[in-house]
Amino acid sequence: MKKIVYIAAGLFILSGCSSLKNLGQDNNTQETQKQSQKAQNKPPVKRDFNSEADSAAMDITKKLLSSTTVSNDQSNTPLIFIEGVKNNTNEYINTNNVKDIIKSNLVDSGKYGYPDSGKISEVKNQLGFNENDDFVNQSQIFQFSKMIGANYVVRSNINGKSNNYFLSMNLIDINSGAIKWSDKVKLGKKGE
């Protein structure tokens, strides 16, 4: 009879350990499921289009500077006028910052110069423009650029659809109207 009691007690203890072991597994499984649900319920990471556009501006100016479009004659550094960057997307992008990055990279390279800001203001006043007015057409831009002594106009746009955006840039010779250099860089992707 003692044997039966010992066997029953042993089985009882073993079944209890097994239940505790399963209970621990159930808790681990439940915790894993909760973590998975939290990950699924996280809002998607919002893209920083301003940062992407700034990076694209750096990349595209490096491409222009590495091209052999304009001779690197330091005695006669060509002047550029940088037209406002057009944002043709539904996203907010600080295009003034993109323009400033393009301007500073091109001018800091020593390969291009930029007309004096006083001269730019003076000519805008002569033409009846306010300081921050955009030009309506290419002929106005060329007229203005010639008056400030620029040799080239840099025109940039941000275009695309469904979060697949590109910064494109053209370097236009003011005298001939010819596009001397053109390229584009994908926002958010390095090296494309």
N, C-alpha and C. Protein backbone atom coordinates (compact mmCIF):
# COMPACT_ATOMS: atom_id res chain seq x y z
N MET A 1 0.82 -1.18 0.00
CA MET A 1 0.00 0.00 0.00
C MET A 1 0.87 1.25 0.00
N LYS A 2 2.00 1.16 0.74
CA LYS A 2 2.90 2.31 0.75
C LYS A 2 3.43 2.57 -0.64
N LYS A 3 3.66 1.48 -1.39
CA LYS A 3 4.17 1.65 -2.74
C LYS A 3 3.19 2.44 -3.59
N ILE A 4 1.94 2.16 -3.48
CA ILE A 4 0.92 2.85 -4.28
C ILE A 4 0.88 4.32 -3.90
N VAL A 5 0.97 4.60 -2.61
CA VAL A 5 0.94 6.00 -2.16
C VAL A 5 2.17 6.74 -2.71
N TYR A 6 3.35 6.09 -2.64
CA TYR A 6 4.55 6.74 -3.17
C TYR A 6 4.47 6.95 -4.68
N ILE A 7 3.93 5.97 -5.38
CA ILE A 7 3.80 6.10 -6.83
C ILE A 7 2.81 7.22 -7.16
N ALA A 8 1.69 7.25 -6.44
CA ALA A 8 0.68 8.29 -6.68
C ALA A 8 1.26 9.67 -6.37
N ALA A 9 2.01 9.77 -5.27
CA ALA A 9 2.62 11.06 -4.90
C ALA A 9 3.65 11.47 -5.95
N GLY A 10 4.43 10.52 -6.42
CA GLY A 10 5.43 10.81 -7.45
C GLY A 10 4.79 11.28 -8.74
N LEU A 11 3.71 10.60 -9.14
CA LEU A 11 3.00 11.01 -10.36
C LEU A 11 2.39 12.40 -10.20
N PHE A 12 1.86 12.65 -9.01
CA PHE A 12 1.26 13.96 -8.73
C PHE A 12 2.32 15.06 -8.85
N ILE A 13 3.47 14.81 -8.27
CA ILE A 13 4.55 15.80 -8.32
C ILE A 13 5.02 16.01 -9.76
N LEU A 14 5.20 14.91 -10.49
CA LEU A 14 5.65 15.00 -11.88
C LEU A 14 4.63 15.73 -12.75
N SER A 15 3.35 15.46 -12.52
CA SER A 15 2.34 16.15 -13.33
C SER A 15 2.32 17.63 -13.01
N GLY A 16 2.57 17.99 -11.77
CA GLY A 16 2.64 19.41 -11.39
C GLY A 16 3.80 20.10 -12.05
N CYS A 17 4.96 19.45 -12.12
CA CYS A 17 6.14 20.04 -12.77
C CYS A 17 5.89 20.22 -14.26
N SER A 18 5.24 19.22 -14.83
CA SER A 18 4.93 19.31 -16.25
C SER A 18 4.00 20.48 -16.52
N SER A 19 2.99 20.69 -15.65
CA SER A 19 2.06 21.81 -15.81
C SER A 19 2.79 23.12 -15.66
N LEU A 20 3.70 23.20 -14.69
CA LEU A 20 4.46 24.43 -14.53
C LEU A 20 5.34 24.70 -15.75
N LYS A 21 5.93 23.63 -16.29
CA LYS A 21 6.76 23.78 -17.49
C LYS A 21 5.92 24.30 -18.64
N ASN A 22 4.73 23.74 -18.86
CA ASN A 22 3.83 24.20 -19.92
C ASN A 22 3.36 25.61 -19.66
N LEU A 23 3.12 25.94 -18.38
CA LEU A 23 2.67 27.29 -18.04
C LEU A 23 3.75 28.30 -18.44
N GLY A 24 5.00 27.97 -18.19
CA GLY A 24 6.10 28.86 -18.59
C GLY A 24 6.17 29.00 -20.09
N GLN A 25 5.94 27.92 -20.84
CA GLN A 25 5.96 27.99 -22.30
C GLN A 25 4.81 28.84 -22.81
N ASP A 26 3.63 28.67 -22.19
CA ASP A 26 2.48 29.47 -22.60
C ASP A 26 2.75 30.95 -22.38
N ASN A 27 3.38 31.31 -21.25
CA ASN A 27 3.70 32.72 -20.99
C ASN A 27 4.68 33.26 -22.03
N ASN A 28 5.69 32.46 -22.38
CA ASN A 28 6.65 32.89 -23.40
C ASN A 28 5.96 33.09 -24.74
N THR A 29 5.09 32.15 -25.11
CA THR A 29 4.37 32.25 -26.38
C THR A 29 3.46 33.47 -26.38
N GLN A 30 2.76 33.70 -25.26
CA GLN A 30 1.87 34.86 -25.17
C GLN A 30 2.67 36.16 -25.27
N GLU A 31 3.85 36.22 -24.62
CA GLU A 31 4.68 37.41 -24.66
C GLU A 31 5.18 37.67 -26.09
N THR A 32 5.58 36.62 -26.79
CA THR A 32 6.02 36.75 -28.17
C THR A 32 4.89 37.26 -29.05
N GLN A 33 3.69 36.74 -28.82
CA GLN A 33 2.53 37.19 -29.60
C GLN A 33 2.23 38.66 -29.32
N LYS A 34 2.34 39.08 -28.04
CA LYS A 34 2.08 40.48 -27.69
C LYS A 34 3.11 41.40 -28.38
N GLN A 35 4.39 41.00 -28.36
CA GLN A 35 5.42 41.81 -29.00
C GLN A 35 5.19 41.90 -30.50
N SER A 36 4.75 40.81 -31.11
CA SER A 36 4.47 40.80 -32.54
C SER A 36 3.33 41.74 -32.87
N GLN A 37 2.28 41.73 -32.01
CA GLN A 37 1.14 42.62 -32.23
C GLN A 37 1.56 44.08 -32.08
N LYS A 38 2.42 44.37 -31.07
CA LYS A 38 2.89 45.74 -30.90
C LYS A 38 3.64 46.21 -32.14
N ALA A 39 4.48 45.36 -32.69
CA ALA A 39 5.25 45.71 -33.89
C ALA A 39 4.32 45.96 -35.07
N GLN A 40 3.25 45.17 -35.17
CA GLN A 40 2.31 45.34 -36.28
C GLN A 40 1.48 46.61 -36.11
N ASN A 41 1.23 47.02 -34.88
CA ASN A 41 0.41 48.19 -34.63
C ASN A 41 1.20 49.49 -34.63
N LYS A 42 2.53 49.42 -34.75
CA LYS A 42 3.34 50.62 -34.81
C LYS A 42 3.01 51.39 -36.08
N PRO A 43 2.90 52.71 -35.96
CA PRO A 43 2.68 53.49 -37.18
C PRO A 43 3.92 53.41 -38.06
N PRO A 44 3.74 53.49 -39.38
CA PRO A 44 4.90 53.42 -40.27
C PRO A 44 5.83 54.61 -40.01
N VAL A 45 7.10 54.38 -40.24
CA VAL A 45 8.09 55.44 -40.06
C VAL A 45 7.85 56.49 -41.14
N LYS A 46 7.69 57.74 -40.72
CA LYS A 46 7.43 58.83 -41.66
C LYS A 46 8.76 59.27 -42.28
N ARG A 47 8.76 59.40 -43.60
CA ARG A 47 9.96 59.82 -44.30
C ARG A 47 10.24 61.29 -44.05
N ASP A 48 11.48 61.63 -43.96
CA ASP A 48 11.91 63.01 -43.80
C ASP A 48 12.32 63.53 -45.18
N PHE A 49 11.33 64.06 -45.90
CA PHE A 49 11.58 64.49 -47.27
C PHE A 49 12.55 65.67 -47.33
N ASN A 50 12.55 66.51 -46.30
CA ASN A 50 13.50 67.63 -46.29
C ASN A 50 14.93 67.13 -46.23
N SER A 51 15.18 66.19 -45.35
CA SER A 51 16.52 65.61 -45.24
C SER A 51 16.92 64.90 -46.53
N GLU A 52 15.97 64.17 -47.11
CA GLU A 52 16.24 63.46 -48.37
C GLU A 52 16.54 64.44 -49.50
N ALA A 53 15.80 65.54 -49.56
CA ALA A 53 16.01 66.54 -50.61
C ALA A 53 17.36 67.23 -50.41
N ASP A 54 17.73 67.52 -49.16
CA ASP A 54 19.03 68.14 -48.88
C ASP A 54 20.16 67.22 -49.33
N SER A 55 20.03 65.95 -49.02
CA SER A 55 21.04 64.97 -49.41
C SER A 55 21.12 64.85 -50.94
N ALA A 56 19.97 64.85 -51.59
CA ALA A 56 19.93 64.78 -53.06
C ALA A 56 20.59 66.03 -53.66
N ALA A 57 20.39 67.19 -53.04
CA ALA A 57 21.02 68.43 -53.53
C ALA A 57 22.54 68.31 -53.45
N MET A 58 23.04 67.73 -52.37
CA MET A 58 24.49 67.52 -52.24
C MET A 58 24.99 66.59 -53.34
N ASP A 59 24.26 65.49 -53.54
CA ASP A 59 24.67 64.49 -54.53
C ASP A 59 24.67 65.05 -55.95
N ILE A 60 23.62 65.79 -56.30
CA ILE A 60 23.51 66.27 -57.68
C ILE A 60 24.54 67.37 -57.97
N THR A 61 24.85 68.20 -56.98
CA THR A 61 25.87 69.22 -57.24
C THR A 61 27.25 68.56 -57.37
N LYS A 62 27.49 67.47 -56.65
CA LYS A 62 28.76 66.74 -56.83
C LYS A 62 28.85 66.20 -58.25
N LYS A 63 27.72 65.72 -58.79
CA LYS A 63 27.72 65.21 -60.17
C LYS A 63 28.04 66.33 -61.15
N LEU A 64 27.43 67.49 -60.95
CA LEU A 64 27.71 68.62 -61.85
C LEU A 64 29.17 69.04 -61.74
N LEU A 65 29.68 69.11 -60.54
CA LEU A 65 31.06 69.55 -60.34
C LEU A 65 32.06 68.55 -60.91
N SER A 66 31.70 67.29 -60.94
CA SER A 66 32.63 66.28 -61.48
C SER A 66 32.54 66.18 -63.00
N SER A 67 31.55 66.85 -63.60
CA SER A 67 31.42 66.82 -65.05
C SER A 67 32.44 67.78 -65.67
N THR A 68 32.67 67.60 -66.94
CA THR A 68 33.59 68.48 -67.66
C THR A 68 32.83 69.47 -68.54
N THR A 69 31.61 69.75 -68.17
CA THR A 69 30.75 70.64 -68.95
C THR A 69 31.33 72.03 -69.09
N VAL A 70 31.82 72.57 -67.99
CA VAL A 70 32.37 73.92 -67.99
C VAL A 70 33.86 73.80 -67.71
N SER A 71 34.66 74.50 -68.50
CA SER A 71 36.11 74.42 -68.28
C SER A 71 36.45 75.00 -66.92
N ASN A 72 37.50 74.51 -66.33
CA ASN A 72 37.90 74.92 -65.00
C ASN A 72 38.94 76.05 -65.07
N ASP A 73 38.67 77.05 -65.90
CA ASP A 73 39.56 78.19 -66.07
C ASP A 73 39.33 79.17 -64.91
N GLN A 74 40.23 79.19 -63.94
CA GLN A 74 40.05 80.01 -62.74
C GLN A 74 40.13 81.51 -63.03
N SER A 75 40.75 81.89 -64.15
CA SER A 75 40.85 83.31 -64.47
C SER A 75 39.52 83.89 -64.95
N ASN A 76 38.64 83.05 -65.41
CA ASN A 76 37.34 83.51 -65.92
C ASN A 76 36.23 82.60 -65.38
N THR A 77 36.03 82.65 -64.07
CA THR A 77 35.03 81.80 -63.43
C THR A 77 33.63 82.21 -63.89
N PRO A 78 32.88 81.29 -64.49
CA PRO A 78 31.53 81.64 -64.96
C PRO A 78 30.59 81.91 -63.78
N LEU A 79 29.71 82.87 -63.99
CA LEU A 79 28.70 83.19 -62.97
C LEU A 79 27.42 82.41 -63.26
N ILE A 80 26.80 81.95 -62.19
CA ILE A 80 25.54 81.21 -62.32
C ILE A 80 24.43 81.94 -61.57
N PHE A 81 23.24 81.84 -62.10
CA PHE A 81 22.05 82.28 -61.36
C PHE A 81 21.25 81.03 -61.08
N ILE A 82 20.89 80.82 -59.83
CA ILE A 82 20.15 79.62 -59.44
C ILE A 82 18.69 80.00 -59.27
N GLU A 83 17.90 79.48 -60.18
CA GLU A 83 16.45 79.70 -60.13
C GLU A 83 15.89 78.95 -58.93
N GLY A 84 14.76 79.42 -58.39
CA GLY A 84 14.12 78.73 -57.27
C GLY A 84 13.79 77.29 -57.64
N VAL A 85 14.00 76.38 -56.70
CA VAL A 85 13.71 74.96 -56.91
C VAL A 85 12.20 74.77 -56.88
N LYS A 86 11.66 74.11 -57.89
CA LYS A 86 10.21 73.87 -57.98
C LYS A 86 9.89 72.51 -57.35
N ASN A 87 8.91 72.50 -56.45
CA ASN A 87 8.46 71.27 -55.82
C ASN A 87 7.16 70.84 -56.50
N ASN A 88 7.23 69.83 -57.34
CA ASN A 88 6.06 69.33 -58.07
C ASN A 88 5.50 68.07 -57.42
N THR A 89 5.62 67.97 -56.09
CA THR A 89 5.08 66.83 -55.35
C THR A 89 4.00 67.33 -54.41
N ASN A 90 3.36 66.41 -53.72
CA ASN A 90 2.36 66.78 -52.70
C ASN A 90 2.98 66.83 -51.31
N GLU A 91 4.28 66.65 -51.22
CA GLU A 91 4.99 66.65 -49.94
C GLU A 91 5.52 68.05 -49.65
N TYR A 92 5.60 68.39 -48.36
CA TYR A 92 6.26 69.64 -48.00
C TYR A 92 7.76 69.42 -48.05
N ILE A 93 8.45 70.22 -48.85
CA ILE A 93 9.91 70.18 -48.94
C ILE A 93 10.40 71.62 -48.94
N ASN A 94 11.34 71.93 -48.07
CA ASN A 94 11.89 73.28 -47.98
C ASN A 94 12.82 73.51 -49.17
N THR A 95 12.26 74.02 -50.24
CA THR A 95 13.03 74.21 -51.47
C THR A 95 14.05 75.34 -51.35
N ASN A 96 13.81 76.29 -50.46
CA ASN A 96 14.82 77.35 -50.25
C ASN A 96 16.10 76.76 -49.70
N ASN A 97 15.97 75.79 -48.81
CA ASN A 97 17.15 75.13 -48.26
C ASN A 97 17.88 74.33 -49.34
N VAL A 98 17.11 73.65 -50.20
CA VAL A 98 17.71 72.88 -51.31
C VAL A 98 18.49 73.83 -52.22
N LYS A 99 17.89 74.97 -52.54
CA LYS A 99 18.56 75.97 -53.38
C LYS A 99 19.84 76.47 -52.72
N ASP A 100 19.80 76.74 -51.42
CA ASP A 100 20.98 77.22 -50.71
C ASP A 100 22.11 76.19 -50.73
N ILE A 101 21.76 74.91 -50.59
CA ILE A 101 22.77 73.85 -50.63
C ILE A 101 23.42 73.80 -52.01
N ILE A 102 22.60 73.87 -53.05
CA ILE A 102 23.12 73.85 -54.42
C ILE A 102 24.05 75.04 -54.63
N LYS A 103 23.59 76.21 -54.25
CA LYS A 103 24.38 77.44 -54.42
C LYS A 103 25.71 77.36 -53.67
N SER A 104 25.66 77.00 -52.40
CA SER A 104 26.90 77.00 -51.62
C SER A 104 27.89 75.95 -52.13
N ASN A 105 27.39 74.78 -52.54
CA ASN A 105 28.30 73.76 -53.07
C ASN A 105 28.96 74.20 -54.37
N LEU A 106 28.18 74.80 -55.26
CA LEU A 106 28.74 75.22 -56.54
C LEU A 106 29.72 76.38 -56.37
N VAL A 107 29.36 77.34 -55.55
CA VAL A 107 30.23 78.50 -55.36
C VAL A 107 31.48 78.13 -54.55
N ASP A 108 31.29 77.32 -53.49
CA ASP A 108 32.44 76.92 -52.66
C ASP A 108 33.46 76.09 -53.43
N SER A 109 33.02 75.47 -54.50
CA SER A 109 33.94 74.66 -55.31
C SER A 109 34.97 75.51 -56.03
N GLY A 110 34.66 76.79 -56.24
CA GLY A 110 35.55 77.67 -57.00
C GLY A 110 35.36 77.54 -58.50
N LYS A 111 34.53 76.59 -58.91
CA LYS A 111 34.31 76.37 -60.34
C LYS A 111 33.27 77.35 -60.90
N TYR A 112 32.41 77.87 -60.02
CA TYR A 112 31.37 78.83 -60.41
C TYR A 112 31.36 79.98 -59.42
N GLY A 113 30.94 81.14 -59.93
CA GLY A 113 30.74 82.29 -59.07
C GLY A 113 29.26 82.63 -59.03
N TYR A 114 28.89 83.50 -58.11
CA TYR A 114 27.49 83.92 -57.97
C TYR A 114 27.46 85.44 -57.96
N PRO A 115 26.54 86.04 -58.71
CA PRO A 115 26.48 87.50 -58.75
C PRO A 115 26.23 88.10 -57.36
N ASP A 116 26.71 89.31 -57.18
CA ASP A 116 26.55 90.04 -55.93
C ASP A 116 25.07 90.21 -55.61
N SER A 117 24.69 89.98 -54.35
CA SER A 117 23.27 90.07 -53.96
C SER A 117 22.73 91.49 -54.14
N GLY A 118 23.60 92.51 -53.98
CA GLY A 118 23.16 93.89 -54.21
C GLY A 118 22.77 94.10 -55.67
N LYS A 119 23.56 93.53 -56.57
CA LYS A 119 23.27 93.63 -58.01
C LYS A 119 21.96 92.91 -58.33
N ILE A 120 21.74 91.76 -57.72
CA ILE A 120 20.50 90.99 -57.94
C ILE A 120 19.30 91.82 -57.50
N SER A 121 19.36 92.42 -56.31
CA SER A 121 18.25 93.26 -55.81
C SER A 121 18.00 94.46 -56.71
N GLU A 122 19.09 95.09 -57.14
CA GLU A 122 18.98 96.27 -58.00
C GLU A 122 18.28 95.93 -59.32
N VAL A 123 18.68 94.84 -59.95
CA VAL A 123 18.08 94.45 -61.23
C VAL A 123 16.63 94.02 -61.04
N LYS A 124 16.34 93.32 -59.95
CA LYS A 124 14.94 92.93 -59.70
C LYS A 124 14.06 94.17 -59.56
N ASN A 125 14.56 95.19 -58.87
CA ASN A 125 13.81 96.44 -58.73
C ASN A 125 13.60 97.11 -60.08
N GLN A 126 14.64 97.11 -60.92
CA GLN A 126 14.52 97.70 -62.25
C GLN A 126 13.44 97.00 -63.08
N LEU A 127 13.34 95.69 -62.90
CA LEU A 127 12.35 94.92 -63.66
C LEU A 127 10.97 94.89 -63.00
N GLY A 128 10.86 95.53 -61.82
CA GLY A 128 9.57 95.59 -61.14
C GLY A 128 9.23 94.34 -60.33
N PHE A 129 10.23 93.59 -59.95
CA PHE A 129 10.01 92.39 -59.14
C PHE A 129 10.28 92.69 -57.68
N ASN A 130 9.55 92.02 -56.80
CA ASN A 130 9.88 92.05 -55.38
C ASN A 130 11.03 91.07 -55.14
N GLU A 131 11.67 91.18 -54.00
CA GLU A 131 12.85 90.37 -53.70
C GLU A 131 12.59 88.87 -53.83
N ASN A 132 11.42 88.40 -53.39
CA ASN A 132 11.13 86.96 -53.38
C ASN A 132 10.24 86.50 -54.54
N ASP A 133 9.99 87.36 -55.51
CA ASP A 133 9.17 86.97 -56.66
C ASP A 133 9.88 85.93 -57.52
N ASP A 134 9.08 85.00 -58.04
CA ASP A 134 9.61 84.01 -58.99
C ASP A 134 9.39 84.53 -60.40
N PHE A 135 10.23 84.09 -61.31
CA PHE A 135 10.09 84.47 -62.70
C PHE A 135 9.03 83.60 -63.35
N VAL A 136 8.31 84.18 -64.29
CA VAL A 136 7.20 83.49 -64.91
C VAL A 136 7.64 82.58 -66.05
N ASN A 137 8.60 83.05 -66.84
CA ASN A 137 9.01 82.24 -68.00
C ASN A 137 10.52 82.32 -68.22
N GLN A 138 10.97 81.52 -69.15
CA GLN A 138 12.40 81.41 -69.43
C GLN A 138 12.98 82.72 -69.95
N SER A 139 12.23 83.43 -70.75
CA SER A 139 12.75 84.67 -71.31
C SER A 139 13.02 85.70 -70.20
N GLN A 140 12.16 85.75 -69.19
CA GLN A 140 12.41 86.65 -68.05
C GLN A 140 13.68 86.25 -67.30
N ILE A 141 13.84 84.95 -67.10
CA ILE A 141 15.01 84.45 -66.39
C ILE A 141 16.28 84.80 -67.16
N PHE A 142 16.26 84.60 -68.47
CA PHE A 142 17.45 84.89 -69.28
C PHE A 142 17.75 86.38 -69.29
N GLN A 143 16.72 87.21 -69.43
CA GLN A 143 16.91 88.66 -69.42
C GLN A 143 17.54 89.09 -68.10
N PHE A 144 16.96 88.61 -67.00
CA PHE A 144 17.46 88.94 -65.67
C PHE A 144 18.90 88.46 -65.50
N SER A 145 19.15 87.23 -65.89
CA SER A 145 20.49 86.64 -65.72
C SER A 145 21.55 87.41 -66.50
N LYS A 146 21.21 87.82 -67.72
CA LYS A 146 22.16 88.63 -68.50
C LYS A 146 22.44 89.96 -67.82
N MET A 147 21.38 90.56 -67.25
CA MET A 147 21.52 91.87 -66.60
C MET A 147 22.39 91.80 -65.35
N ILE A 148 22.41 90.65 -64.69
CA ILE A 148 23.26 90.52 -63.48
C ILE A 148 24.63 89.94 -63.83
N GLY A 149 24.86 89.66 -65.11
CA GLY A 149 26.16 89.19 -65.55
C GLY A 149 26.37 87.69 -65.46
N ALA A 150 25.30 86.92 -65.29
CA ALA A 150 25.43 85.47 -65.20
C ALA A 150 25.65 84.85 -66.57
N ASN A 151 26.38 83.75 -66.59
CA ASN A 151 26.61 82.99 -67.83
C ASN A 151 25.68 81.79 -67.95
N TYR A 152 25.26 81.28 -66.80
CA TYR A 152 24.43 80.07 -66.76
C TYR A 152 23.28 80.25 -65.76
N VAL A 153 22.21 79.52 -66.04
CA VAL A 153 21.09 79.40 -65.10
C VAL A 153 21.04 77.95 -64.66
N VAL A 154 20.86 77.75 -63.37
CA VAL A 154 20.66 76.41 -62.82
C VAL A 154 19.18 76.28 -62.49
N ARG A 155 18.54 75.33 -63.13
CA ARG A 155 17.11 75.11 -62.92
C ARG A 155 16.93 73.72 -62.31
N SER A 156 16.20 73.64 -61.18
CA SER A 156 16.01 72.37 -60.48
C SER A 156 14.54 72.16 -60.15
N ASN A 157 14.13 70.88 -60.20
CA ASN A 157 12.76 70.49 -59.89
C ASN A 157 12.77 69.22 -59.06
N ILE A 158 11.76 69.09 -58.21
CA ILE A 158 11.54 67.83 -57.50
C ILE A 158 10.24 67.27 -58.06
N ASN A 159 10.33 66.10 -58.69
CA ASN A 159 9.19 65.47 -59.36
C ASN A 159 9.04 64.03 -58.91
N GLY A 160 7.91 63.44 -59.28
CA GLY A 160 7.71 62.01 -59.03
C GLY A 160 6.30 61.72 -58.55
N LYS A 161 6.07 60.44 -58.31
CA LYS A 161 4.75 59.97 -57.85
C LYS A 161 4.93 58.92 -56.78
N SER A 162 3.94 58.81 -55.92
CA SER A 162 3.86 57.73 -54.92
C SER A 162 5.14 57.55 -54.13
N ASN A 163 5.63 58.63 -53.57
CA ASN A 163 6.84 58.60 -52.74
C ASN A 163 8.09 58.19 -53.50
N ASN A 164 8.05 58.21 -54.82
CA ASN A 164 9.20 57.90 -55.66
C ASN A 164 9.61 59.22 -56.33
N TYR A 165 10.41 60.01 -55.61
CA TYR A 165 10.71 61.37 -56.04
C TYR A 165 12.16 61.52 -56.48
N PHE A 166 12.35 62.48 -57.42
CA PHE A 166 13.68 62.77 -57.96
C PHE A 166 13.93 64.27 -57.92
N LEU A 167 15.18 64.64 -57.66
CA LEU A 167 15.62 66.02 -57.82
C LEU A 167 16.37 66.05 -59.15
N SER A 168 15.86 66.85 -60.09
CA SER A 168 16.53 66.99 -61.38
C SER A 168 17.14 68.38 -61.48
N MET A 169 18.22 68.48 -62.23
CA MET A 169 18.89 69.77 -62.38
C MET A 169 19.38 69.93 -63.81
N ASN A 170 19.24 71.15 -64.33
CA ASN A 170 19.75 71.52 -65.64
C ASN A 170 20.67 72.73 -65.50
N LEU A 171 21.77 72.72 -66.23
CA LEU A 171 22.65 73.88 -66.34
C LEU A 171 22.44 74.43 -67.75
N ILE A 172 21.92 75.65 -67.83
CA ILE A 172 21.53 76.22 -69.12
C ILE A 172 22.43 77.40 -69.47
N ASP A 173 22.98 77.38 -70.68
CA ASP A 173 23.79 78.48 -71.18
C ASP A 173 22.85 79.63 -71.56
N ILE A 174 23.07 80.79 -70.98
CA ILE A 174 22.16 81.92 -71.20
C ILE A 174 22.25 82.44 -72.62
N ASN A 175 23.43 82.47 -73.21
CA ASN A 175 23.58 83.02 -74.56
C ASN A 175 22.92 82.15 -75.62
N SER A 176 23.06 80.84 -75.51
CA SER A 176 22.51 79.97 -76.54
C SER A 176 21.17 79.35 -76.15
N GLY A 177 20.86 79.32 -74.86
CA GLY A 177 19.64 78.65 -74.39
C GLY A 177 19.79 77.14 -74.33
N ALA A 178 20.97 76.64 -74.63
CA ALA A 178 21.21 75.19 -74.66
C ALA A 178 21.41 74.65 -73.24
N ILE A 179 20.87 73.46 -73.02
CA ILE A 179 21.12 72.77 -71.77
C ILE A 179 22.50 72.13 -71.88
N LYS A 180 23.42 72.61 -71.06
CA LYS A 180 24.81 72.14 -71.11
C LYS A 180 25.03 70.88 -70.28
N TRP A 181 24.19 70.70 -69.26
CA TRP A 181 24.33 69.54 -68.39
C TRP A 181 22.96 69.28 -67.75
N SER A 182 22.64 67.99 -67.59
CA SER A 182 21.37 67.60 -66.99
C SER A 182 21.53 66.26 -66.28
N ASP A 183 20.90 66.12 -65.12
CA ASP A 183 20.94 64.85 -64.40
C ASP A 183 19.83 64.87 -63.35
N LYS A 184 19.64 63.71 -62.71
CA LYS A 184 18.66 63.63 -61.62
C LYS A 184 19.16 62.64 -60.58
N VAL A 185 18.68 62.84 -59.35
CA VAL A 185 19.04 61.99 -58.22
C VAL A 185 17.75 61.62 -57.49
N LYS A 186 17.63 60.34 -57.15
CA LYS A 186 16.45 59.86 -56.44
C LYS A 186 16.52 60.24 -54.97
N LEU A 187 15.44 60.79 -54.44
CA LEU A 187 15.39 61.12 -53.02
C LEU A 187 15.33 59.83 -52.21
N GLY A 188 16.10 59.78 -51.15
CA GLY A 188 16.07 58.65 -50.24
C GLY A 188 16.95 57.49 -50.64
N LYS A 189 17.57 57.54 -51.79
CA LYS A 189 18.43 56.46 -52.25
C LYS A 189 19.79 57.03 -52.59
N LYS A 190 20.80 56.51 -51.96
CA LYS A 190 22.16 56.98 -52.24
C LYS A 190 22.65 56.37 -53.54
N GLY A 191 23.29 57.21 -54.35
CA GLY A 191 23.96 56.73 -55.54
C GLY A 191 23.07 56.41 -56.72
N GLU A 192 21.81 56.76 -56.71
CA GLU A 192 20.95 56.49 -57.88
C GLU A 192 20.72 57.75 -58.65
